[in-house]
N, C-alpha and C. Protein backbone atom coordinates (compact mmCIF):
# COMPACT_ATOMS: atom_id res chain seq x y z
N MET A 1 40.38 -0.16 40.76
CA MET A 1 39.14 -0.58 40.25
C MET A 1 38.20 0.92 40.00
N THR A 2 37.57 1.07 38.91
CA THR A 2 36.94 2.34 38.72
C THR A 2 35.34 2.04 38.63
N PRO A 3 34.39 2.77 38.74
CA PRO A 3 33.14 2.48 38.76
C PRO A 3 32.47 1.93 37.53
N LEU A 4 33.39 1.94 36.35
CA LEU A 4 33.08 1.34 35.06
C LEU A 4 33.56 0.01 35.11
N ASP A 5 34.57 -0.47 35.69
CA ASP A 5 34.89 -1.66 35.53
C ASP A 5 33.95 -3.06 35.48
N GLY A 6 33.74 -3.60 34.78
CA GLY A 6 32.73 -4.97 34.66
C GLY A 6 31.65 -4.37 33.85
N VAL A 7 31.55 -3.30 33.40
CA VAL A 7 30.10 -2.68 32.83
C VAL A 7 30.30 -3.20 31.41
N ALA A 8 29.44 -4.07 31.05
CA ALA A 8 29.35 -4.65 29.47
C ALA A 8 28.76 -3.19 28.62
N PHE A 9 29.33 -2.88 27.69
CA PHE A 9 29.06 -1.55 26.79
C PHE A 9 28.27 -2.13 25.67
N HIS A 10 27.30 -1.33 25.35
CA HIS A 10 26.49 -1.66 24.21
C HIS A 10 27.53 -1.11 22.88
N PRO A 11 27.54 -1.60 21.85
CA PRO A 11 28.24 -1.20 20.81
C PRO A 11 28.35 0.65 20.41
N VAL A 12 27.30 1.20 20.87
CA VAL A 12 27.42 2.53 20.74
C VAL A 12 28.25 3.26 21.89
N THR A 13 28.23 2.58 23.02
CA THR A 13 28.66 3.34 24.28
C THR A 13 29.93 3.77 24.27
N PRO A 14 30.94 3.04 23.57
CA PRO A 14 32.24 3.47 23.91
C PRO A 14 32.65 4.81 23.18
N SER A 15 31.67 5.31 22.21
CA SER A 15 32.17 6.83 21.70
C SER A 15 31.45 7.81 22.48
N LEU A 16 30.65 7.33 23.66
CA LEU A 16 29.99 8.28 24.64
C LEU A 16 30.42 8.03 26.05
N SER A 17 31.20 8.98 26.50
CA SER A 17 31.55 8.68 27.88
C SER A 17 30.26 8.84 28.91
N LEU A 18 30.21 8.57 30.06
CA LEU A 18 29.10 8.79 31.04
C LEU A 18 28.88 10.14 31.14
N ASP A 19 29.90 11.04 31.22
CA ASP A 19 29.72 12.47 31.47
C ASP A 19 29.07 12.87 30.06
N ASP A 20 29.54 12.50 29.01
CA ASP A 20 28.92 12.94 27.62
C ASP A 20 27.54 12.62 27.55
N PHE A 21 27.05 11.26 27.98
CA PHE A 21 25.89 10.80 28.13
C PHE A 21 25.04 11.74 28.96
N ALA A 22 25.44 12.00 30.04
CA ALA A 22 24.76 12.90 31.04
C ALA A 22 24.44 14.12 30.36
N ARG A 23 25.33 14.79 29.83
CA ARG A 23 25.16 16.21 29.08
C ARG A 23 24.13 16.12 28.10
N LEU A 24 24.22 14.80 27.49
CA LEU A 24 23.43 14.75 26.15
C LEU A 24 22.04 14.62 26.65
N SER A 25 21.89 13.73 27.72
CA SER A 25 20.34 13.37 28.42
C SER A 25 19.78 14.64 28.94
N ILE A 26 20.51 15.68 29.37
CA ILE A 26 20.04 16.89 30.08
C ILE A 26 19.61 17.85 28.82
N ARG A 27 20.49 17.80 27.82
CA ARG A 27 20.21 18.79 26.75
C ARG A 27 18.94 18.09 26.17
N LEU A 28 18.62 16.89 25.85
CA LEU A 28 17.59 16.23 25.16
C LEU A 28 16.43 16.52 26.05
N SER A 29 16.53 16.66 27.64
CA SER A 29 15.14 16.90 28.21
C SER A 29 14.83 18.15 28.01
N GLU A 30 15.57 19.19 27.48
CA GLU A 30 15.10 20.49 27.23
C GLU A 30 15.05 20.93 25.81
N ALA A 31 15.42 19.82 24.99
CA ALA A 31 15.23 20.08 23.52
C ALA A 31 13.88 20.56 22.74
N GLY A 32 12.86 19.84 23.34
CA GLY A 32 11.63 19.62 22.83
C GLY A 32 11.53 19.41 21.30
N GLU A 33 11.32 20.26 20.66
CA GLU A 33 11.06 19.96 19.01
C GLU A 33 12.41 19.94 18.49
N ALA A 34 13.62 20.26 18.96
CA ALA A 34 14.92 20.44 18.46
C ALA A 34 15.72 19.19 18.80
N ARG A 35 15.01 18.09 19.45
CA ARG A 35 15.46 16.83 19.70
C ARG A 35 16.38 16.24 18.76
N SER A 36 15.91 16.12 17.45
CA SER A 36 16.47 15.30 16.46
C SER A 36 17.96 16.03 15.97
N GLU A 37 17.67 17.54 16.05
CA GLU A 37 19.04 18.32 15.91
C GLU A 37 20.01 17.91 16.96
N VAL A 38 19.69 17.95 18.20
CA VAL A 38 20.70 17.45 19.28
C VAL A 38 21.26 16.27 19.04
N LEU A 39 20.47 15.39 18.66
CA LEU A 39 20.92 13.88 18.42
C LEU A 39 22.13 13.97 17.36
N ALA A 40 21.48 14.75 16.25
CA ALA A 40 22.57 14.81 15.06
C ALA A 40 23.78 15.47 15.32
N GLU A 41 23.72 16.47 16.52
CA GLU A 41 24.93 16.86 16.76
C GLU A 41 25.88 15.87 17.40
N ALA A 42 25.51 15.01 17.94
CA ALA A 42 26.08 13.87 18.86
C ALA A 42 26.40 12.77 17.91
N ASP A 43 25.92 12.97 16.63
CA ASP A 43 26.08 11.77 15.81
C ASP A 43 25.20 10.48 15.94
N LEU A 44 24.07 10.70 16.79
CA LEU A 44 23.44 9.39 17.01
C LEU A 44 21.97 9.50 16.48
N SER A 45 21.32 8.49 16.37
CA SER A 45 19.85 8.29 15.98
C SER A 45 19.22 8.13 17.28
N GLU A 46 17.81 8.31 17.06
CA GLU A 46 16.80 8.31 18.34
C GLU A 46 17.23 6.42 18.77
N GLU A 47 17.15 5.81 17.98
CA GLU A 47 17.55 4.41 18.50
C GLU A 47 18.73 4.05 19.08
N ASP A 48 19.98 4.85 18.64
CA ASP A 48 21.05 4.97 19.47
C ASP A 48 21.07 5.36 20.72
N PHE A 49 20.24 6.46 20.95
CA PHE A 49 20.01 6.91 22.11
C PHE A 49 19.21 6.21 23.20
N GLU A 50 18.23 5.52 22.62
CA GLU A 50 17.51 4.51 23.29
C GLU A 50 18.32 3.33 23.79
N ALA A 51 19.17 3.13 22.87
CA ALA A 51 20.05 1.96 23.24
C ALA A 51 21.00 2.37 24.46
N LEU A 52 21.52 3.57 24.26
CA LEU A 52 22.38 4.20 25.47
C LEU A 52 21.72 4.20 26.75
N GLU A 53 20.29 4.69 26.69
CA GLU A 53 19.63 4.76 28.10
C GLU A 53 19.46 3.33 28.59
N GLY A 54 19.14 2.31 27.83
CA GLY A 54 18.80 0.85 28.21
C GLY A 54 20.25 0.40 28.75
N HIS A 55 21.34 0.94 28.10
CA HIS A 55 22.49 0.41 28.57
C HIS A 55 22.87 0.81 30.07
N TRP A 56 22.68 2.00 30.43
CA TRP A 56 23.01 2.59 31.55
C TRP A 56 21.93 2.36 32.49
N ALA A 57 20.77 2.03 32.13
CA ALA A 57 19.52 1.44 33.07
C ALA A 57 19.81 0.06 33.49
N ASP A 58 20.35 -0.83 32.54
CA ASP A 58 20.83 -2.30 32.95
C ASP A 58 22.11 -2.18 33.77
N ALA A 59 23.15 -1.34 33.53
CA ALA A 59 24.18 -1.11 34.18
C ALA A 59 24.05 -0.99 35.49
N LEU A 60 23.14 0.21 35.72
CA LEU A 60 22.76 0.42 37.18
C LEU A 60 22.04 -0.41 37.74
N ASP A 61 21.03 -1.23 37.08
CA ASP A 61 20.41 -2.39 37.68
C ASP A 61 21.53 -3.41 38.30
N GLU A 62 22.39 -3.93 37.41
CA GLU A 62 23.28 -4.90 37.89
C GLU A 62 24.29 -4.32 38.89
N ALA A 63 24.62 -3.06 38.96
CA ALA A 63 25.56 -2.61 40.02
C ALA A 63 24.50 -2.58 41.28
N GLU A 64 23.54 -2.43 41.36
CA GLU A 64 22.70 -2.50 42.51
C GLU A 64 22.57 -3.98 43.02
N ARG A 65 22.21 -4.79 42.17
CA ARG A 65 22.15 -6.05 42.49
C ARG A 65 23.45 -6.79 43.16
N ALA A 66 24.57 -6.26 42.46
CA ALA A 66 25.68 -7.14 42.62
C ALA A 66 26.32 -6.39 44.03
N HIS A 67 25.81 -5.30 44.34
CA HIS A 67 26.43 -4.33 45.65
C HIS A 67 25.75 -5.07 46.75
N GLY A 68 26.47 -5.31 47.81
CA GLY A 68 25.86 -5.90 49.06
C GLY A 68 25.11 -4.96 49.93
N ASP A 69 24.02 -5.32 50.39
CA ASP A 69 23.25 -4.70 51.45
C ASP A 69 24.11 -4.11 52.50
N GLY A 70 23.93 -2.83 52.78
CA GLY A 70 24.73 -2.40 53.92
C GLY A 70 26.13 -1.86 53.61
N GLU A 71 26.44 -2.00 52.26
CA GLU A 71 28.02 -1.63 51.91
C GLU A 71 27.59 -0.17 51.17
N GLY A 72 26.64 0.46 51.41
CA GLY A 72 26.70 2.10 51.06
C GLY A 72 26.17 1.97 49.46
N VAL A 73 26.39 3.15 48.69
CA VAL A 73 26.05 3.27 47.48
C VAL A 73 27.04 2.54 46.44
N PRO A 74 26.54 1.84 45.43
CA PRO A 74 27.58 1.24 44.54
C PRO A 74 28.28 2.27 43.90
N PRO A 75 29.61 1.99 43.72
CA PRO A 75 30.43 3.12 42.92
C PRO A 75 29.78 3.53 41.55
N LEU A 76 29.22 2.52 40.78
CA LEU A 76 28.67 3.01 39.46
C LEU A 76 27.63 3.87 39.65
N VAL A 77 26.80 3.99 40.61
CA VAL A 77 25.58 4.77 40.92
C VAL A 77 26.03 6.06 41.32
N GLU A 78 27.30 6.20 42.24
CA GLU A 78 27.72 7.33 42.52
C GLU A 78 28.36 8.10 41.35
N ALA A 79 29.16 7.33 40.54
CA ALA A 79 29.57 7.98 39.36
C ALA A 79 28.46 8.61 38.28
N TYR A 80 27.56 7.69 38.31
CA TYR A 80 26.38 8.27 37.44
C TYR A 80 25.78 9.65 37.87
N ALA A 81 25.57 9.55 39.40
CA ALA A 81 24.77 10.61 39.73
C ALA A 81 25.92 11.87 39.74
N ALA A 82 26.96 11.47 40.09
CA ALA A 82 28.18 12.77 39.99
C ALA A 82 28.12 13.33 38.43
N ALA A 83 28.15 12.26 37.46
CA ALA A 83 28.04 12.91 36.09
C ALA A 83 26.94 13.72 35.72
N PHE A 84 25.80 13.36 36.32
CA PHE A 84 24.56 14.24 35.89
C PHE A 84 24.63 15.44 36.84
N ALA A 85 25.22 15.54 37.97
CA ALA A 85 25.48 16.76 38.78
C ALA A 85 26.26 17.70 38.06
N ARG A 86 27.50 17.15 37.60
CA ARG A 86 28.25 18.09 36.77
C ARG A 86 27.72 18.66 35.48
N ALA A 87 26.92 17.63 34.84
CA ALA A 87 26.51 18.18 33.49
C ALA A 87 25.31 19.29 33.95
N GLN A 88 24.55 19.24 35.16
CA GLN A 88 23.75 20.30 35.21
C GLN A 88 24.29 21.50 35.61
N SER A 89 25.46 21.42 36.42
CA SER A 89 26.08 22.59 36.74
C SER A 89 26.90 23.40 35.53
N THR A 90 27.26 22.34 34.38
CA THR A 90 27.74 23.12 33.29
C THR A 90 26.79 23.57 32.32
N LEU A 91 25.62 23.04 32.27
CA LEU A 91 24.77 23.37 31.31
C LEU A 91 23.76 24.48 32.04
N GLN A 92 23.89 24.89 33.19
CA GLN A 92 22.89 25.82 33.97
C GLN A 92 23.13 27.10 33.14
N THR A 93 21.96 27.77 32.54
CA THR A 93 22.15 28.98 32.07
C THR A 93 20.76 29.77 32.16
N ARG A 94 20.08 29.30 32.90
CA ARG A 94 18.88 30.34 33.32
C ARG A 94 18.89 30.52 34.81
N ALA A 95 18.18 31.48 35.17
CA ALA A 95 18.13 31.88 36.52
C ALA A 95 17.30 31.16 37.20
N PRO A 96 17.27 30.70 38.54
CA PRO A 96 16.37 29.93 39.22
C PRO A 96 15.04 30.60 39.05
N MET A 97 13.91 29.75 39.25
CA MET A 97 12.49 30.25 39.37
C MET A 97 12.39 31.00 40.63
N SER A 98 11.42 31.89 40.81
CA SER A 98 11.12 33.03 42.10
C SER A 98 11.11 31.95 43.17
N PHE A 99 11.51 32.41 44.19
CA PHE A 99 11.19 31.83 45.68
C PHE A 99 9.97 31.47 45.78
N GLU A 100 8.71 32.10 45.59
CA GLU A 100 7.31 32.03 45.76
C GLU A 100 7.10 30.75 44.78
N ARG A 101 7.59 30.90 43.41
CA ARG A 101 7.02 29.84 42.63
C ARG A 101 7.74 28.42 43.03
N TYR A 102 9.01 28.54 43.41
CA TYR A 102 9.53 27.27 43.84
C TYR A 102 8.76 26.55 45.19
N VAL A 103 8.40 27.66 46.12
CA VAL A 103 7.66 27.12 47.12
C VAL A 103 6.11 26.46 46.89
N ALA A 104 5.65 27.06 45.69
CA ALA A 104 4.36 26.46 45.47
C ALA A 104 4.42 25.26 44.41
N VAL A 105 5.57 24.87 43.95
CA VAL A 105 5.78 23.79 43.01
C VAL A 105 6.20 22.79 44.20
N THR A 106 6.95 23.15 45.04
CA THR A 106 7.37 22.13 46.12
C THR A 106 6.25 21.80 46.86
N ARG A 107 5.57 22.67 47.39
CA ARG A 107 4.31 22.28 48.17
C ARG A 107 3.41 21.01 47.58
N GLU A 108 3.04 21.56 46.11
CA GLU A 108 2.32 20.44 45.62
C GLU A 108 3.05 19.05 45.49
N LEU A 109 4.41 18.90 45.27
CA LEU A 109 4.94 17.83 45.12
C LEU A 109 5.07 17.08 46.40
N GLN A 110 5.21 17.75 47.60
CA GLN A 110 5.20 17.07 48.95
C GLN A 110 3.93 16.53 49.26
N ARG A 111 2.81 17.29 48.55
CA ARG A 111 1.35 16.74 48.92
C ARG A 111 0.92 15.69 48.02
N GLY A 112 1.93 15.11 47.19
CA GLY A 112 1.76 13.86 46.41
C GLY A 112 1.30 14.05 44.89
N ALA A 113 1.39 15.38 44.53
CA ALA A 113 0.81 15.46 43.13
C ALA A 113 1.89 14.92 42.13
N ASP A 114 1.47 14.37 41.14
CA ASP A 114 2.22 13.88 40.18
C ASP A 114 3.39 14.74 39.47
N VAL A 115 4.80 14.51 39.67
CA VAL A 115 5.71 15.46 39.17
C VAL A 115 5.79 15.76 37.89
N THR A 116 5.48 14.91 36.88
CA THR A 116 5.21 15.24 35.43
C THR A 116 4.15 16.17 35.30
N ASN A 117 3.04 16.04 35.82
CA ASN A 117 1.97 16.99 35.76
C ASN A 117 2.05 18.39 36.22
N VAL A 118 2.77 18.38 37.28
CA VAL A 118 2.98 19.73 37.77
C VAL A 118 3.83 20.45 37.00
N LEU A 119 5.16 19.76 36.50
CA LEU A 119 5.83 20.48 35.74
C LEU A 119 5.47 20.69 34.51
N GLU A 120 4.58 19.93 33.85
CA GLU A 120 4.04 20.42 32.54
C GLU A 120 3.15 21.49 32.64
N ARG A 121 2.43 21.60 33.82
CA ARG A 121 1.25 22.59 33.93
C ARG A 121 2.18 23.89 34.24
N GLU A 122 3.30 23.73 34.72
CA GLU A 122 4.26 24.84 35.16
C GLU A 122 4.81 25.53 34.02
N GLY A 123 5.21 24.63 33.07
CA GLY A 123 5.98 24.86 31.81
C GLY A 123 7.61 24.79 32.31
N LEU A 124 7.66 23.92 33.17
CA LEU A 124 9.02 23.63 33.50
C LEU A 124 9.70 22.19 33.28
N PRO A 125 10.87 22.39 32.34
CA PRO A 125 11.57 21.04 32.23
C PRO A 125 12.10 20.57 33.87
N LEU A 126 12.18 19.30 33.89
CA LEU A 126 12.83 18.87 35.36
C LEU A 126 13.86 19.55 35.58
N SER A 127 14.93 19.57 34.54
CA SER A 127 16.03 20.11 34.85
C SER A 127 16.22 21.64 35.31
N ALA A 128 15.03 22.26 35.01
CA ALA A 128 14.95 23.65 35.62
C ALA A 128 14.62 23.74 37.02
N PHE A 129 13.71 22.78 37.33
CA PHE A 129 13.19 22.61 38.85
C PHE A 129 14.46 22.10 39.74
N LEU A 130 15.04 20.95 38.99
CA LEU A 130 16.31 20.91 39.85
C LEU A 130 17.40 21.80 40.10
N GLU A 131 17.38 22.73 39.01
CA GLU A 131 18.17 23.77 39.19
C GLU A 131 17.83 24.71 40.38
N SER A 132 16.64 24.95 40.27
CA SER A 132 15.97 25.91 41.27
C SER A 132 16.06 25.24 42.49
N HIS A 133 15.87 24.11 42.67
CA HIS A 133 15.91 23.27 43.89
C HIS A 133 17.37 23.24 44.60
N ARG A 134 18.36 23.15 43.64
CA ARG A 134 19.79 23.46 44.26
C ARG A 134 20.05 24.62 44.73
N HIS A 135 19.58 25.73 44.06
CA HIS A 135 19.88 27.01 44.20
C HIS A 135 19.11 27.39 45.65
N TRP A 136 18.06 27.15 45.72
CA TRP A 136 17.14 27.54 46.91
C TRP A 136 17.43 26.76 48.17
N THR A 137 17.98 25.49 47.90
CA THR A 137 18.39 24.76 49.20
C THR A 137 19.50 25.26 49.62
N ARG A 138 20.57 25.59 48.75
CA ARG A 138 21.96 26.07 49.06
C ARG A 138 21.68 27.60 49.71
N THR A 139 20.73 28.33 49.07
CA THR A 139 20.57 29.65 49.70
C THR A 139 19.92 29.52 51.02
N MET A 140 19.06 28.51 51.41
CA MET A 140 18.49 28.36 52.86
C MET A 140 19.42 27.78 53.77
N THR A 141 20.49 27.10 53.35
CA THR A 141 21.32 26.73 54.17
C THR A 141 22.26 27.70 54.80
N GLU A 142 22.23 28.93 54.14
CA GLU A 142 23.17 29.95 54.55
C GLU A 142 22.14 30.93 55.05
N ASP A 143 21.00 31.15 55.03
CA ASP A 143 19.60 32.01 55.42
C ASP A 143 18.71 31.50 56.31
N LEU A 144 18.91 31.29 57.69
CA LEU A 144 18.10 30.75 58.32
C LEU A 144 16.63 31.14 58.21
N GLY A 145 16.53 32.42 58.17
CA GLY A 145 15.11 33.19 58.14
C GLY A 145 14.61 32.73 56.75
N LEU A 146 15.12 32.63 55.51
CA LEU A 146 14.45 32.10 54.40
C LEU A 146 14.08 30.79 54.86
N ALA A 147 14.90 30.02 55.43
CA ALA A 147 14.50 28.67 55.53
C ALA A 147 13.36 28.31 56.57
N GLN A 148 13.01 29.22 57.44
CA GLN A 148 11.97 29.04 58.32
C GLN A 148 10.92 29.84 57.63
N ARG A 149 10.81 30.78 56.61
CA ARG A 149 10.00 31.18 55.84
C ARG A 149 9.32 30.14 55.04
N PHE A 150 10.30 29.29 54.32
CA PHE A 150 10.00 28.23 53.52
C PHE A 150 9.32 27.22 54.16
N ALA A 151 9.66 26.93 55.45
CA ALA A 151 8.95 25.90 56.23
C ALA A 151 7.63 26.35 56.61
N ALA A 152 7.13 27.55 56.80
CA ALA A 152 6.07 28.16 57.01
C ALA A 152 4.93 28.17 56.00
N LEU A 153 5.74 28.48 54.69
CA LEU A 153 5.05 28.50 53.63
C LEU A 153 4.44 27.17 53.11
N LEU A 154 5.49 26.09 53.33
CA LEU A 154 4.95 24.94 52.94
C LEU A 154 4.01 24.12 53.72
N ALA A 155 3.79 24.78 54.92
CA ALA A 155 2.63 24.23 56.01
C ALA A 155 1.38 24.76 55.62
N GLN A 156 1.21 25.96 54.84
CA GLN A 156 0.01 26.56 54.59
C GLN A 156 -0.80 25.57 53.57
N THR A 157 -2.17 25.92 53.73
CA THR A 157 -3.18 25.17 53.04
C THR A 157 -3.46 25.83 51.63
């Protein structure tokens, strides 16, 4: 049984795999004014993409409902998260934000600031912050001194 077994597909979905949907979603999150061109490259309209988003949201909700409590993460949710992780790693083209900027943004978010407002004010797409988060988290797991510095900087007011 695969994570996609039993998932009812929207008519547009068969032409777009979960991995393709993830890559397209990330590209669209960064496209800004070029959104219509990105959709045209995928031979999709805005309505088609909205239907795809609705399809995956419904499929994930159903997977959560159908999965028993205490049984871990539903396979479809794991597959969806893995597809987005793969897409982010293949589309990563920019350098991570500086450590100091990463700390400042993270501090604001940990103190309850609205993610959308913080990222907009910083001029950061969510994908750029997530790429930096992945970079700095991995770096701190290998550099205890940097991890300690991170913790100390987060604690500052």
